[in-house]
Structure formats: C-alpha cells, structure tokens
N, C-alpha and C. Protein backbone atom coordinates (compact mmCIF):
# COMPACT_ATOMS: atom_id res chain seq x y z
N MET A 1 108.03 85.44 90.19
CA MET A 1 107.78 85.38 91.60
C MET A 1 106.28 85.18 91.80
N SER A 2 105.81 83.99 91.73
CA SER A 2 104.39 83.74 91.89
C SER A 2 104.00 83.80 93.35
N GLY A 3 102.75 84.13 93.59
CA GLY A 3 102.26 84.19 94.95
C GLY A 3 102.75 85.41 95.72
N SER A 4 103.15 86.45 95.03
CA SER A 4 103.64 87.66 95.68
C SER A 4 102.53 88.31 96.48
N PRO A 5 102.81 88.74 97.72
CA PRO A 5 101.77 89.37 98.54
C PRO A 5 101.46 90.80 98.11
N ILE A 6 102.26 91.38 97.24
CA ILE A 6 101.99 92.74 96.80
C ILE A 6 100.79 92.74 95.88
N ILE A 7 99.87 93.67 96.11
CA ILE A 7 98.76 93.86 95.20
C ILE A 7 99.27 94.83 94.13
N TRP A 8 99.53 94.32 92.94
CA TRP A 8 100.12 95.14 91.88
C TRP A 8 99.13 96.20 91.45
N PRO A 9 99.59 97.43 91.28
CA PRO A 9 98.68 98.53 90.96
C PRO A 9 98.12 98.39 89.55
N PRO A 10 96.88 98.82 89.35
CA PRO A 10 96.29 98.75 88.02
C PRO A 10 97.07 99.58 87.00
N SER A 11 97.71 100.65 87.45
CA SER A 11 98.47 101.51 86.53
C SER A 11 99.72 100.81 86.02
N GLY A 12 100.25 99.89 86.82
CA GLY A 12 101.46 99.18 86.43
C GLY A 12 102.74 99.97 86.59
N HIS A 13 102.68 101.17 87.19
CA HIS A 13 103.88 101.98 87.36
C HIS A 13 104.61 101.62 88.65
N VAL A 14 105.91 101.46 88.53
CA VAL A 14 106.77 101.18 89.68
C VAL A 14 107.94 102.15 89.59
N TYR A 15 108.23 102.82 90.69
CA TYR A 15 109.34 103.77 90.72
C TYR A 15 110.33 103.36 91.80
N LEU A 16 111.61 103.22 91.41
CA LEU A 16 112.67 102.92 92.35
C LEU A 16 113.34 104.21 92.77
N ALA A 17 113.56 104.37 94.06
CA ALA A 17 114.37 105.48 94.56
C ALA A 17 115.82 105.01 94.45
N VAL A 18 116.55 105.56 93.49
CA VAL A 18 117.91 105.13 93.22
C VAL A 18 118.80 105.48 94.41
N GLY A 19 119.74 104.58 94.72
CA GLY A 19 120.64 104.79 95.85
C GLY A 19 120.04 104.27 97.14
N ALA A 20 120.63 104.67 98.26
CA ALA A 20 120.22 104.16 99.57
C ALA A 20 119.20 105.07 100.24
N THR A 21 118.28 104.44 100.97
CA THR A 21 117.27 105.15 101.75
C THR A 21 117.37 104.69 103.20
N ASP A 22 117.17 105.59 104.13
CA ASP A 22 117.16 105.28 105.55
C ASP A 22 115.93 104.42 105.85
N MET A 23 116.13 103.16 106.22
CA MET A 23 115.02 102.25 106.46
C MET A 23 114.32 102.47 107.79
N ARG A 24 114.77 103.45 108.57
CA ARG A 24 114.01 103.81 109.77
C ARG A 24 112.74 104.55 109.38
N LYS A 25 112.69 105.04 108.15
CA LYS A 25 111.50 105.74 107.67
C LYS A 25 110.36 104.74 107.49
N SER A 26 109.18 105.18 107.86
CA SER A 26 107.99 104.36 107.67
C SER A 26 107.08 105.08 106.68
N ILE A 27 105.80 104.88 106.78
CA ILE A 27 104.86 105.40 105.79
C ILE A 27 104.97 106.92 105.63
N ASN A 28 104.94 107.65 106.72
CA ASN A 28 104.98 109.11 106.63
C ASN A 28 106.27 109.60 105.99
N GLY A 29 107.40 109.12 106.47
CA GLY A 29 108.69 109.54 105.95
C GLY A 29 108.89 109.17 104.49
N LEU A 30 108.47 107.96 104.13
CA LEU A 30 108.63 107.52 102.74
C LEU A 30 107.69 108.29 101.80
N SER A 31 106.47 108.59 102.27
CA SER A 31 105.55 109.35 101.41
C SER A 31 106.07 110.77 101.17
N ILE A 32 106.74 111.35 102.16
CA ILE A 32 107.37 112.65 101.98
C ILE A 32 108.50 112.55 100.96
N LEU A 33 109.30 111.48 101.02
CA LEU A 33 110.36 111.26 100.02
C LEU A 33 109.78 111.14 98.61
N VAL A 34 108.65 110.46 98.50
CA VAL A 34 108.01 110.31 97.18
C VAL A 34 107.70 111.69 96.61
N GLU A 35 107.12 112.55 97.42
CA GLU A 35 106.75 113.89 96.95
C GLU A 35 107.96 114.78 96.72
N GLN A 36 108.85 114.86 97.70
CA GLN A 36 109.93 115.83 97.64
C GLN A 36 111.13 115.37 96.82
N SER A 37 111.56 114.14 96.98
CA SER A 37 112.76 113.67 96.28
C SER A 37 112.45 113.09 94.90
N LEU A 38 111.34 112.36 94.80
CA LEU A 38 111.00 111.71 93.54
C LEU A 38 110.09 112.58 92.67
N GLY A 39 109.49 113.61 93.26
CA GLY A 39 108.63 114.51 92.50
C GLY A 39 107.35 113.87 92.00
N ARG A 40 106.83 112.91 92.74
CA ARG A 40 105.62 112.18 92.35
C ARG A 40 104.58 112.30 93.46
N SER A 41 103.35 112.01 93.14
CA SER A 41 102.30 111.97 94.15
C SER A 41 102.21 110.55 94.71
N PRO A 42 102.23 110.39 96.02
CA PRO A 42 102.12 109.04 96.59
C PRO A 42 100.69 108.48 96.55
N PHE A 43 99.72 109.28 96.10
CA PHE A 43 98.32 108.88 96.12
C PHE A 43 97.83 108.30 94.80
N THR A 44 98.72 107.98 93.88
CA THR A 44 98.33 107.50 92.56
C THR A 44 98.02 106.01 92.50
N GLY A 45 98.47 105.25 93.49
CA GLY A 45 98.36 103.80 93.42
C GLY A 45 99.59 103.16 92.83
N ASP A 46 100.55 103.98 92.38
CA ASP A 46 101.82 103.45 91.89
C ASP A 46 102.62 102.88 93.06
N LEU A 47 103.56 102.01 92.74
CA LEU A 47 104.46 101.46 93.76
C LEU A 47 105.73 102.28 93.80
N PHE A 48 106.22 102.56 95.01
CA PHE A 48 107.46 103.29 95.20
C PHE A 48 108.39 102.43 96.06
N ALA A 49 109.51 102.03 95.48
CA ALA A 49 110.42 101.09 96.13
C ALA A 49 111.68 101.79 96.61
N PHE A 50 112.14 101.39 97.79
CA PHE A 50 113.30 101.97 98.44
C PHE A 50 114.19 100.83 98.95
N CYS A 51 115.50 101.06 98.96
CA CYS A 51 116.44 100.04 99.42
C CYS A 51 117.44 100.67 100.39
N ASN A 52 117.91 99.90 101.35
CA ASN A 52 118.87 100.42 102.32
C ASN A 52 120.30 100.36 101.78
N ARG A 53 121.23 100.93 102.51
CA ARG A 53 122.63 101.01 102.10
C ARG A 53 123.25 99.62 101.94
N GLN A 54 122.91 98.69 102.82
CA GLN A 54 123.47 97.33 102.75
C GLN A 54 122.83 96.49 101.64
N ARG A 55 121.76 97.01 101.04
CA ARG A 55 121.02 96.38 99.95
C ARG A 55 120.44 95.01 100.35
N ASN A 56 120.03 94.89 101.62
CA ASN A 56 119.38 93.65 102.05
C ASN A 56 117.92 93.87 102.46
N ILE A 57 117.45 95.12 102.40
CA ILE A 57 116.05 95.43 102.73
C ILE A 57 115.47 96.30 101.63
N ILE A 58 114.28 95.92 101.18
CA ILE A 58 113.50 96.75 100.26
C ILE A 58 112.16 97.02 100.91
N LYS A 59 111.73 98.28 100.85
CA LYS A 59 110.38 98.66 101.28
C LYS A 59 109.65 99.20 100.06
N ILE A 60 108.37 98.82 99.95
CA ILE A 60 107.54 99.29 98.85
C ILE A 60 106.29 99.95 99.45
N LEU A 61 106.10 101.20 99.08
CA LEU A 61 104.98 102.00 99.56
C LEU A 61 103.97 102.18 98.44
N TYR A 62 102.69 102.06 98.76
CA TYR A 62 101.66 102.36 97.76
C TYR A 62 100.36 102.75 98.44
N TRP A 63 99.56 103.53 97.73
CA TRP A 63 98.24 103.95 98.19
C TRP A 63 97.23 102.93 97.73
N ASP A 64 96.41 102.44 98.65
CA ASP A 64 95.46 101.38 98.35
C ASP A 64 94.03 101.88 98.54
N GLN A 65 93.65 102.94 97.86
CA GLN A 65 92.31 103.53 97.82
C GLN A 65 91.80 104.09 99.14
N SER A 66 92.11 103.47 100.26
CA SER A 66 91.62 103.98 101.53
C SER A 66 92.75 104.23 102.53
N GLY A 67 93.98 103.99 102.12
CA GLY A 67 95.11 104.20 103.01
C GLY A 67 96.39 103.68 102.39
N PHE A 68 97.50 104.01 103.03
CA PHE A 68 98.79 103.54 102.56
C PHE A 68 99.05 102.11 103.00
N ALA A 69 99.79 101.39 102.18
CA ALA A 69 100.27 100.06 102.53
C ALA A 69 101.79 100.08 102.37
N LEU A 70 102.47 99.37 103.25
CA LEU A 70 103.92 99.30 103.21
C LEU A 70 104.33 97.84 103.27
N TRP A 71 105.06 97.42 102.26
CA TRP A 71 105.53 96.04 102.14
C TRP A 71 107.03 96.04 102.29
N GLN A 72 107.59 95.03 102.96
CA GLN A 72 109.03 94.96 103.17
C GLN A 72 109.54 93.55 102.92
N LYS A 73 110.73 93.48 102.32
CA LYS A 73 111.42 92.20 102.17
C LYS A 73 112.83 92.38 102.69
N ARG A 74 113.28 91.44 103.55
CA ARG A 74 114.63 91.46 104.09
C ARG A 74 115.33 90.16 103.70
N LEU A 75 116.48 90.30 103.07
CA LEU A 75 117.28 89.13 102.73
C LEU A 75 118.16 88.76 103.92
N GLU A 76 118.33 87.49 104.15
CA GLU A 76 119.13 87.03 105.28
C GLU A 76 120.61 86.87 104.93
N LYS A 77 120.93 86.53 103.66
CA LYS A 77 122.33 86.28 103.32
C LYS A 77 122.80 87.03 102.08
N GLN A 78 121.94 87.33 101.17
CA GLN A 78 122.35 87.89 99.89
C GLN A 78 122.04 89.39 99.83
N ARG A 79 122.29 90.00 98.68
CA ARG A 79 122.05 91.42 98.47
C ARG A 79 121.23 91.64 97.21
N PHE A 80 120.40 92.67 97.23
CA PHE A 80 119.66 93.06 96.04
C PHE A 80 120.60 93.79 95.09
N ILE A 81 120.39 93.64 93.80
CA ILE A 81 121.13 94.39 92.80
C ILE A 81 120.32 95.66 92.54
N TRP A 82 120.68 96.72 93.25
CA TRP A 82 119.90 97.96 93.28
C TRP A 82 120.66 99.06 92.55
N PRO A 83 120.00 99.80 91.67
CA PRO A 83 120.69 100.90 90.97
C PRO A 83 121.18 101.96 91.96
N GLN A 84 122.45 102.33 91.85
CA GLN A 84 123.06 103.28 92.77
C GLN A 84 123.20 104.68 92.19
N THR A 85 123.21 104.79 90.88
CA THR A 85 123.37 106.10 90.25
C THR A 85 122.34 106.26 89.14
N GLY A 86 122.18 107.46 88.70
CA GLY A 86 121.22 107.74 87.62
C GLY A 86 120.13 108.66 88.09
N GLU A 87 118.96 108.48 87.55
CA GLU A 87 117.82 109.32 87.90
C GLU A 87 117.43 109.12 89.35
N ASP A 88 116.79 110.12 89.93
CA ASP A 88 116.30 110.00 91.31
C ASP A 88 115.24 108.92 91.42
N ALA A 89 114.37 108.84 90.43
CA ALA A 89 113.33 107.81 90.39
C ALA A 89 113.44 107.07 89.06
N LEU A 90 113.73 105.82 89.14
CA LEU A 90 113.85 104.98 87.95
C LEU A 90 112.52 104.26 87.75
N ALA A 91 111.87 104.49 86.62
CA ALA A 91 110.59 103.84 86.33
C ALA A 91 110.84 102.46 85.75
N ILE A 92 110.21 101.46 86.34
CA ILE A 92 110.30 100.09 85.85
C ILE A 92 108.89 99.52 85.79
N ASP A 93 108.74 98.32 85.24
CA ASP A 93 107.42 97.70 85.21
C ASP A 93 107.34 96.58 86.26
N GLY A 94 106.18 96.00 86.38
CA GLY A 94 105.95 94.95 87.37
C GLY A 94 106.85 93.75 87.19
N ASP A 95 107.11 93.36 85.93
CA ASP A 95 108.01 92.24 85.68
C ASP A 95 109.41 92.54 86.19
N GLN A 96 109.90 93.74 85.91
CA GLN A 96 111.24 94.11 86.36
C GLN A 96 111.32 94.15 87.89
N LEU A 97 110.24 94.56 88.56
CA LEU A 97 110.24 94.55 90.02
C LEU A 97 110.33 93.11 90.52
N ARG A 98 109.59 92.20 89.93
CA ARG A 98 109.67 90.79 90.33
C ARG A 98 111.07 90.25 90.12
N TRP A 99 111.72 90.62 89.00
CA TRP A 99 113.09 90.18 88.75
C TRP A 99 114.02 90.72 89.84
N LEU A 100 113.86 92.00 90.15
CA LEU A 100 114.70 92.64 91.17
C LEU A 100 114.54 91.94 92.52
N LEU A 101 113.30 91.66 92.91
CA LEU A 101 113.04 90.99 94.18
C LEU A 101 113.56 89.55 94.19
N SER A 102 113.73 88.98 92.99
CA SER A 102 114.26 87.62 92.87
C SER A 102 115.77 87.58 92.76
N GLY A 103 116.42 88.76 92.76
CA GLY A 103 117.87 88.81 92.73
C GLY A 103 118.49 89.02 91.37
N LEU A 104 117.69 89.34 90.37
CA LEU A 104 118.22 89.56 89.03
C LEU A 104 118.56 91.03 88.82
N ASP A 105 119.50 91.29 87.93
CA ASP A 105 119.92 92.64 87.59
C ASP A 105 119.01 93.17 86.48
N ILE A 106 118.18 94.15 86.80
CA ILE A 106 117.23 94.66 85.80
C ILE A 106 117.93 95.44 84.70
N ALA A 107 119.15 95.93 84.95
CA ALA A 107 119.89 96.69 83.94
C ALA A 107 120.36 95.82 82.79
N SER A 108 120.58 94.53 83.05
CA SER A 108 121.09 93.66 81.99
C SER A 108 120.07 92.61 81.54
N ALA A 109 118.86 92.66 82.09
CA ALA A 109 117.82 91.71 81.68
C ALA A 109 117.30 92.06 80.30
N HIS A 110 116.76 91.08 79.62
CA HIS A 110 116.19 91.33 78.29
C HIS A 110 114.98 92.25 78.41
N ARG A 111 114.91 93.22 77.55
CA ARG A 111 113.77 94.14 77.51
C ARG A 111 112.72 93.60 76.54
N SER A 112 111.47 93.92 76.81
CA SER A 112 110.40 93.53 75.90
C SER A 112 110.50 94.34 74.61
N LEU A 113 110.26 93.69 73.51
CA LEU A 113 110.27 94.35 72.21
C LEU A 113 108.85 94.41 71.67
N TYR A 114 108.51 95.50 71.02
CA TYR A 114 107.18 95.67 70.46
C TYR A 114 107.32 96.10 69.00
N TYR A 115 106.68 95.36 68.12
CA TYR A 115 106.72 95.66 66.69
C TYR A 115 105.29 95.87 66.20
N SER A 116 105.17 96.70 65.18
CA SER A 116 103.83 96.92 64.61
C SER A 116 103.65 96.17 63.30
N ALA A 117 104.75 95.69 62.73
CA ALA A 117 104.65 94.94 61.47
C ALA A 117 105.88 94.05 61.32
N VAL A 118 105.71 93.02 60.51
CA VAL A 118 106.83 92.14 60.19
C VAL A 118 107.47 92.66 58.92
N ALA A 119 108.77 92.92 58.96
CA ALA A 119 109.44 93.48 57.77
C ALA A 119 110.18 92.39 57.02
C-alpha cells in the first residue's frame, strides 16, 4: 500500500483490538480502550487499530509526540478480514497492517523467516 497517509511509528508496533469496537468512539474513548481493554499505554507512539461489527470501518489511533492522531478507512462495498477471536490485542507489524488494509488475511499470509546460518 504505497502512499499511505499513516505516519508509521518508529517502534513498528501495531496492536489490533480483536473483535468489534463501537465506532462512535473517538480519540478519548479509544485511548481509554487501549489502556483498559488492551492493557497498553496509548502514549508510546504505537498504532492501535479497531474495527466495527460490519468490518467496513477501521480506525487507527496513535500518539504523535504532541497529541493524538486518528486515522480512519471506510470500505464502500467490501469487508476487512478482521480477527474475531483470540487475544484482546493482537500484535502485528507494519507490513501485516498494510496487508489487512488491502483486504488480505493476515492469518494465512506468509510470515517472514529469519535464519542465523545456512545449514
């Protein structure tokens, strides 16, 4: 997803709130969810992503050194493949977030492999 308007955090951490979130929540409500439901600090610069029940809206909250920023994407015809069960906060990387926003299933995508030697 080139040209994404999201300023990716230097930490590279992205947390998905698994399941549905009430999209009437804005910065204050979502930052409270980050602390209380996800057990994380919203002031780290990490991205926190939320999806609605219909899976056509994603909101991403992050702290940008001097204040919160809230990014939203709404699909007009399709649905996001959003994890519905599992951990309260699913940690993914920036590539997986781009895949998710592009409509790919991050659960079945190829994972990066890291080796220290050739055997």
